[in-house]
Amino acid sequence: MSRKLQLLLFLCGSAVFAYLVARIGVEQLLADAMRTGWLFLPIVLLYGVVCACNAGAWWLSMADEPSRPPFWRAYAITVAGFSLNFMTPMINVGGEPFKIAAVAPWLGVRRAAGSVVLYQMLHTLGMLLSFLTAVVLGTLLLPPYPAMLASLALTFVALAALVLLLLTGHRYGGLERLLDLLHRIPLLDRLARRLEPKRATLAQMDAQITEFYHRRPRRFVQALALEYLSRSIFMIEYVLIAMGVGLRITFAQAYVIGGLTSLVQNVIFVVPFEVGTKEGSLYLVFQLLGLDPALGVYTAIVSRVRDLVWIGGGLALVWFSGRRAHARAAAP
């Protein structure tokens, strides 16, 4: 990664970070942190455990490479990638090019790109499985309105179909097939023609993805289990936030809150920084569970404070990870 690009990412990320702090207000952030009290520390540290699971899944997918970064380097790159993804709120892809560049000194550019694509598929699959869990728990805990049950049933079918589609991609590959599909779609065929010279590279990345699934099925399951575990651990955050204001909620309720809210935010992904969608979805889910809906808005604010803490740390790691990777690439 060039030093100019690294500096540009760092400066752009810092500017957005400063905007978010100014938009929410320093006084509001401090007041919410004080209201949560000492529980704010485990809330922040809990997300570190979530990132460790994510980094572990990615690190496992690189186990067959001739060389791979140490686990803690993969962890730092994962956190930095999260920060950069938050800085590109419309499509959340800022972190993936950074991750490719950061691990390229160990894997090479092509293998690094393949590992990031493979991990992103694993990450998405784990996320879909957590959504399915939240939908199932929602049918048990939410009011049994006919419209509610019908919506949950349709959502379950759609999520199950996406899970099967991703599993098919792991088994047979899909990047080259996606290129063939783009050739047949009007307006996108121009993009396909630009990508056509990369067909051989896409085929090699497909082989890298399917090889991990077929030759290392146990490691595939372990990596997927880590991704699912990361989502499950994340739900504890809602239990801790509720405890901060003297409210007791069960882990199942927290899973419904976190899973369905995240599902809504991913469906309405075009809203920058989840402005309004996070607060609105939490307000609605809390109300449906018979809880004070105002606590849903407070939960959103506390989670944003936690986001800002990790984004700030991640931006520092953008600089650190890029510098160390640059040093390794320059070494004999």
Protein backbone atom coordinates (compact mmCIF):
# COMPACT_ATOMS: atom_id res chain seq x y z
CA MET A 1 0.00 0.00 0.00
CA SER A 2 1.42 3.39 -0.96
CA ARG A 3 2.05 5.91 1.79
CA LYS A 4 -0.04 8.53 -0.04
CA LEU A 5 -3.07 6.23 -0.20
CA GLN A 6 -2.57 5.28 3.43
CA LEU A 7 -2.45 8.96 4.44
CA LEU A 8 -5.55 9.73 2.33
CA LEU A 9 -7.54 6.94 4.00
CA PHE A 10 -6.43 8.11 7.42
CA LEU A 11 -7.32 11.76 6.78
CA CYS A 12 -10.70 10.99 5.18
CA GLY A 13 -11.61 8.65 8.00
CA SER A 14 -10.55 11.18 10.62
CA ALA A 15 -12.70 13.85 8.96
CA VAL A 16 -15.81 11.66 9.03
CA PHE A 17 -15.03 10.64 12.60
CA ALA A 18 -14.87 14.30 13.64
CA TYR A 19 -18.15 14.98 11.80
CA LEU A 20 -19.94 12.20 13.69
CA VAL A 21 -18.67 13.42 17.05
CA ALA A 22 -19.76 16.98 16.24
CA ARG A 23 -23.15 15.81 14.93
CA ILE A 24 -24.01 13.82 18.06
CA GLY A 25 -22.41 16.30 20.40
CA VAL A 26 -19.63 15.79 22.91
CA GLU A 27 -21.98 16.65 25.81
CA GLN A 28 -24.52 14.04 24.67
CA LEU A 29 -21.83 11.38 24.29
CA LEU A 30 -20.41 12.08 27.75
CA ALA A 31 -23.87 12.14 29.33
CA ASP A 32 -24.78 8.76 27.85
CA ALA A 33 -21.48 7.27 28.92
CA MET A 34 -22.00 8.59 32.47
CA ARG A 35 -25.55 7.23 32.56
CA THR A 36 -24.32 3.78 31.54
CA GLY A 37 -21.60 4.04 34.17
CA TRP A 38 -18.99 1.34 34.64
CA LEU A 39 -20.92 -0.98 32.29
CA PHE A 40 -19.66 1.11 29.38
CA LEU A 41 -16.24 -0.51 29.79
CA PRO A 42 -17.47 -4.11 29.28
CA ILE A 43 -19.65 -2.89 26.40
CA VAL A 44 -16.54 -1.51 24.66
CA LEU A 45 -14.42 -4.56 25.50
CA LEU A 46 -17.18 -6.92 24.34
CA TYR A 47 -16.83 -5.59 20.82
CA GLY A 48 -13.14 -6.42 21.00
CA VAL A 49 -14.12 -10.06 21.56
CA VAL A 50 -16.47 -9.86 18.57
CA CYS A 51 -13.62 -8.57 16.39
CA ALA A 52 -11.35 -11.33 17.71
CA CYS A 53 -13.84 -13.94 16.47
CA ASN A 54 -14.02 -12.21 13.08
CA ALA A 55 -10.23 -12.05 12.83
CA GLY A 56 -9.98 -15.70 13.90
CA ALA A 57 -12.34 -16.79 11.12
CA TRP A 58 -10.34 -14.85 8.53
CA TRP A 59 -7.05 -16.17 9.92
CA LEU A 60 -8.33 -19.76 9.69
CA SER A 61 -9.20 -19.24 6.02
CA MET A 62 -5.54 -18.31 5.37
CA ALA A 63 -4.10 -21.36 7.17
CA ASP A 64 -3.08 -23.19 3.97
CA GLU A 65 -1.13 -20.24 2.58
CA PRO A 66 2.70 -20.53 2.47
CA SER A 67 2.80 -17.56 4.83
CA ARG A 68 0.12 -15.57 6.61
CA PRO A 69 0.15 -12.61 8.97
CA PRO A 70 0.27 -13.31 12.73
CA PHE A 71 -3.12 -13.48 14.40
CA TRP A 72 -2.77 -10.12 16.14
CA ARG A 73 -1.85 -8.48 12.84
CA ALA A 74 -4.98 -9.97 11.28
CA TYR A 75 -6.90 -8.64 14.29
CA ALA A 76 -5.52 -5.11 13.80
CA ILE A 77 -6.34 -5.20 10.09
CA THR A 78 -9.86 -6.43 10.86
CA VAL A 79 -10.53 -3.54 13.25
CA ALA A 80 -9.03 -1.05 10.79
CA GLY A 81 -11.21 -2.48 8.03
CA PHE A 82 -14.31 -2.03 10.20
CA SER A 83 -13.46 1.65 10.65
CA LEU A 84 -12.99 2.20 6.92
CA ASN A 85 -16.23 0.38 6.13
CA PHE A 86 -18.03 2.77 8.44
CA MET A 87 -16.49 5.65 6.50
CA THR A 88 -18.14 4.39 3.28
CA PRO A 89 -21.69 4.11 4.61
CA MET A 90 -23.46 3.71 1.28
CA ILE A 91 -21.78 0.43 0.30
CA ASN A 92 -19.47 -0.50 3.21
CA VAL A 93 -16.56 -1.62 1.02
CA GLY A 94 -13.82 0.79 2.07
CA GLY A 95 -12.25 -1.79 4.35
CA GLU A 96 -11.94 -4.62 1.84
CA PRO A 97 -9.38 -2.95 -0.50
CA PHE A 98 -7.41 -1.94 2.58
CA LYS A 99 -7.41 -5.52 3.89
CA ILE A 100 -6.20 -6.82 0.52
CA ALA A 101 -3.34 -4.31 0.47
CA ALA A 102 -2.49 -4.98 4.13
CA VAL A 103 -2.08 -8.77 3.75
CA ALA A 104 -0.62 -8.71 0.24
CA PRO A 105 2.98 -8.70 1.59
CA TRP A 106 2.29 -12.16 3.05
CA LEU A 107 -0.05 -13.68 0.44
CA GLY A 108 0.49 -11.73 -2.75
CA VAL A 109 -2.21 -9.54 -4.25
CA ARG A 110 -4.25 -12.30 -5.94
CA ARG A 111 -4.28 -14.65 -2.95
CA ALA A 112 -4.96 -11.71 -0.65
CA ALA A 113 -7.99 -10.71 -2.74
CA GLY A 114 -9.19 -14.30 -2.72
CA SER A 115 -8.86 -14.52 1.07
CA VAL A 116 -10.86 -11.31 1.55
CA VAL A 117 -13.62 -12.49 -0.80
CA LEU A 118 -13.68 -15.88 0.94
CA TYR A 119 -13.90 -14.28 4.36
CA GLN A 120 -16.62 -11.88 3.23
CA MET A 121 -18.68 -14.86 2.09
CA LEU A 122 -18.14 -16.54 5.46
CA HIS A 123 -19.00 -13.32 7.27
CA THR A 124 -22.22 -12.90 5.28
CA LEU A 125 -23.16 -16.55 5.83
CA GLY A 126 -22.68 -16.20 9.60
CA MET A 127 -24.73 -13.01 9.56
CA LEU A 128 -27.58 -14.70 7.67
CA LEU A 129 -27.60 -17.59 10.14
CA SER A 130 -27.88 -15.10 13.01
CA PHE A 131 -30.78 -13.40 11.20
CA LEU A 132 -32.50 -16.78 10.89
CA THR A 133 -32.03 -17.32 14.62
CA ALA A 134 -33.54 -13.90 15.38
CA VAL A 135 -36.53 -14.61 13.12
CA VAL A 136 -37.21 -17.96 14.83
CA LEU A 137 -36.96 -16.36 18.28
CA GLY A 138 -39.14 -13.52 17.03
CA THR A 139 -41.99 -15.91 16.23
CA LEU A 140 -41.87 -17.03 19.88
CA LEU A 141 -41.45 -13.67 21.61
CA LEU A 142 -43.18 -11.07 19.42
CA PRO A 143 -46.97 -10.57 19.44
CA PRO A 144 -48.66 -13.28 17.32
CA TYR A 145 -50.31 -10.88 14.90
CA PRO A 146 -51.15 -12.58 11.57
CA ALA A 147 -49.31 -9.90 9.59
CA MET A 148 -46.30 -10.21 11.89
CA LEU A 149 -46.16 -13.99 11.56
CA ALA A 150 -46.56 -13.80 7.78
CA SER A 151 -43.73 -11.25 7.51
CA LEU A 152 -41.45 -13.38 9.66
CA ALA A 153 -42.26 -16.47 7.59
CA LEU A 154 -41.46 -14.70 4.30
CA THR A 155 -38.25 -13.32 5.80
CA PHE A 156 -37.23 -16.81 6.93
CA VAL A 157 -37.74 -18.23 3.43
CA ALA A 158 -35.77 -15.39 1.82
CA LEU A 159 -32.90 -15.77 4.30
CA ALA A 160 -32.81 -19.55 3.86
CA ALA A 161 -32.60 -19.08 0.09
CA LEU A 162 -29.64 -16.70 0.51
CA VAL A 163 -27.90 -19.20 2.80
CA LEU A 164 -28.27 -21.92 0.15
CA LEU A 165 -26.98 -19.53 -2.51
CA LEU A 166 -23.85 -18.74 -0.48
CA LEU A 167 -23.24 -22.42 0.29
CA THR A 168 -23.45 -23.09 -3.45
CA GLY A 169 -20.83 -20.41 -3.99
CA HIS A 170 -18.54 -22.10 -1.46
CA ARG A 171 -19.05 -25.49 -3.12
CA TYR A 172 -18.81 -24.52 -6.78
CA GLY A 173 -17.49 -20.96 -6.88
CA GLY A 174 -19.40 -18.06 -8.32
CA LEU A 175 -17.16 -15.21 -9.41
CA GLU A 176 -16.71 -16.46 -12.97
CA ARG A 177 -20.42 -17.29 -13.19
CA LEU A 178 -21.23 -13.79 -11.97
CA LEU A 179 -19.11 -12.37 -14.78
CA ASP A 180 -21.06 -14.48 -17.29
CA LEU A 181 -24.31 -13.17 -15.80
CA LEU A 182 -23.15 -9.55 -16.10
CA HIS A 183 -22.56 -10.09 -19.84
CA ARG A 184 -26.26 -10.93 -20.22
CA ILE A 185 -27.66 -7.99 -18.23
CA PRO A 186 -28.28 -4.76 -20.15
CA LEU A 187 -26.32 -1.74 -18.90
CA LEU A 188 -24.02 -4.01 -16.91
CA ASP A 189 -22.49 -5.67 -19.95
CA ARG A 190 -20.08 -2.73 -20.28
CA LEU A 191 -18.77 -3.50 -16.78
CA ALA A 192 -18.49 -7.16 -17.76
CA ARG A 193 -16.36 -6.28 -20.79
CA ARG A 194 -14.00 -4.33 -18.56
CA LEU A 195 -13.71 -7.27 -16.20
CA GLU A 196 -13.28 -9.85 -18.95
CA PRO A 197 -9.45 -9.58 -19.00
CA LYS A 198 -9.58 -10.60 -15.31
CA ARG A 199 -11.46 -13.84 -16.01
CA ALA A 200 -8.42 -16.02 -15.32
CA THR A 201 -7.90 -14.27 -11.98
CA LEU A 202 -11.57 -14.73 -11.07
CA ALA A 203 -11.30 -18.42 -11.93
CA GLN A 204 -8.27 -18.76 -9.65
CA MET A 205 -10.13 -17.01 -6.84
CA ASP A 206 -13.07 -19.38 -7.37
CA ALA A 207 -10.66 -22.29 -7.02
CA GLN A 208 -9.26 -20.79 -3.81
CA ILE A 209 -12.78 -20.48 -2.36
CA THR A 210 -13.95 -23.98 -3.29
CA GLU A 211 -10.67 -25.54 -2.18
CA PHE A 212 -11.20 -24.23 1.35
CA TYR A 213 -14.71 -25.74 1.43
CA HIS A 214 -13.85 -29.15 -0.03
CA ARG A 215 -10.32 -29.80 1.23
CA ARG A 216 -10.74 -28.27 4.67
CA PRO A 217 -14.40 -28.87 5.64
CA ARG A 218 -13.57 -28.97 9.36
CA ARG A 219 -11.76 -25.64 9.17
CA PHE A 220 -14.65 -24.22 7.13
CA VAL A 221 -17.10 -25.20 9.88
CA GLN A 222 -14.79 -23.76 12.56
CA ALA A 223 -14.50 -20.44 10.72
CA LEU A 224 -18.26 -20.29 10.18
CA ALA A 225 -18.86 -21.16 13.84
CA LEU A 226 -16.58 -18.28 14.88
CA GLU A 227 -18.56 -15.89 12.69
CA TYR A 228 -21.86 -17.07 14.17
CA LEU A 229 -20.37 -16.88 17.67
CA SER A 230 -19.28 -13.30 17.05
CA ARG A 231 -22.87 -12.30 16.26
CA SER A 232 -24.16 -14.14 19.34
CA ILE A 233 -21.61 -12.47 21.62
CA PHE A 234 -22.56 -9.10 20.16
CA MET A 235 -26.15 -9.56 21.41
CA ILE A 236 -24.90 -9.42 25.00
CA GLU A 237 -24.35 -5.70 24.43
CA TYR A 238 -28.12 -5.14 24.61
CA VAL A 239 -28.31 -7.00 27.93
CA LEU A 240 -25.54 -4.79 29.33
CA ILE A 241 -27.10 -1.55 28.08
CA ALA A 242 -30.45 -2.51 29.65
CA MET A 243 -28.67 -3.30 32.94
CA GLY A 244 -27.18 0.19 32.87
CA VAL A 245 -30.67 1.67 33.32
CA GLY A 246 -31.92 -1.00 35.72
CA LEU A 247 -33.84 -3.13 33.19
CA ARG A 248 -33.47 -6.90 32.99
CA ILE A 249 -33.90 -8.53 29.58
CA THR A 250 -33.18 -12.12 28.60
CA PHE A 251 -30.54 -13.17 26.08
CA ALA A 252 -33.34 -14.38 23.77
CA GLN A 253 -34.94 -10.92 23.85
CA ALA A 254 -31.54 -9.35 23.19
CA TYR A 255 -31.05 -11.66 20.20
CA VAL A 256 -34.40 -10.60 18.75
CA ILE A 257 -33.53 -6.93 19.30
CA GLY A 258 -30.05 -7.15 17.81
CA GLY A 259 -30.86 -9.59 15.00
CA LEU A 260 -33.99 -7.91 13.65
CA THR A 261 -32.51 -4.42 14.00
CA SER A 262 -29.39 -5.47 12.09
CA LEU A 263 -31.57 -7.10 9.45
CA VAL A 264 -33.50 -3.86 8.90
CA GLN A 265 -30.27 -1.85 8.71
CA ASN A 266 -28.82 -4.22 6.10
CA VAL A 267 -32.00 -4.06 4.01
CA ILE A 268 -31.98 -0.23 4.12
CA PHE A 269 -28.23 -0.06 3.59
CA VAL A 270 -28.36 3.11 1.47
CA VAL A 271 -28.96 5.35 4.50
CA PRO A 272 -25.60 6.91 5.45
CA PHE A 273 -24.36 5.95 8.93
CA GLU A 274 -27.71 4.21 9.60
CA VAL A 275 -29.11 7.61 10.53
CA GLY A 276 -32.68 7.15 11.75
CA THR A 277 -32.95 3.50 10.71
CA LYS A 278 -31.05 2.28 13.76
CA GLU A 279 -33.01 4.39 16.20
CA GLY A 280 -36.35 3.71 14.49
CA SER A 281 -35.90 -0.06 14.26
CA LEU A 282 -34.75 -0.31 17.89
CA TYR A 283 -37.71 1.82 19.00
CA LEU A 284 -40.13 -0.48 17.16
CA VAL A 285 -38.61 -3.78 18.32
CA PHE A 286 -38.48 -2.63 21.95
CA GLN A 287 -42.15 -1.64 21.71
CA LEU A 288 -43.15 -4.98 20.16
CA LEU A 289 -41.39 -6.82 22.98
CA GLY A 290 -43.39 -4.85 25.55
CA LEU A 291 -40.38 -2.80 26.67
CA ASP A 292 -40.06 0.96 26.97
CA PRO A 293 -39.46 2.10 23.36
CA ALA A 294 -37.51 5.14 24.60
CA LEU A 295 -34.87 2.69 25.80
CA GLY A 296 -34.47 1.63 22.18
CA VAL A 297 -33.37 5.13 21.22
CA TYR A 298 -31.01 5.26 24.22
CA THR A 299 -29.58 1.88 23.18
CA ALA A 300 -28.87 3.25 19.70
CA ILE A 301 -27.00 6.23 21.17
CA VAL A 302 -24.87 4.06 23.48
CA SER A 303 -24.01 1.73 20.59
CA ARG A 304 -22.96 4.75 18.54
CA VAL A 305 -20.65 5.84 21.35
CA ARG A 306 -19.13 2.35 21.31
CA ASP A 307 -18.81 2.60 17.52
CA LEU A 308 -16.94 5.89 17.82
CA VAL A 309 -14.49 4.43 20.33
CA TRP A 310 -13.65 1.52 18.03
CA ILE A 311 -13.62 3.68 14.89
CA GLY A 312 -11.09 5.98 16.54
CA GLY A 313 -8.92 3.00 17.47
CA GLY A 314 -9.38 1.48 14.03
CA LEU A 315 -8.21 4.64 12.31
CA ALA A 316 -4.99 4.53 14.33
CA LEU A 317 -4.59 0.89 13.25
CA VAL A 318 -5.04 1.91 9.58
CA TRP A 319 -1.79 3.82 9.92
CA PHE A 320 -0.08 1.16 12.04
CA SER A 321 -1.11 -1.81 9.85
CA GLY A 322 -0.18 -0.08 6.63
CA ARG A 323 3.21 0.98 8.00
CA ARG A 324 4.13 -2.52 9.19
CA ALA A 325 2.93 -4.12 5.95
CA HIS A 326 4.97 -1.59 3.97
CA ALA A 327 8.05 -2.44 6.03
CA ARG A 328 7.57 -6.16 5.41
CA ALA A 329 7.14 -5.63 1.65
CA ALA A 330 10.41 -3.66 1.59
CA ALA A 331 12.32 -6.31 3.56
CA PRO A 332 14.53 -8.77 1.60
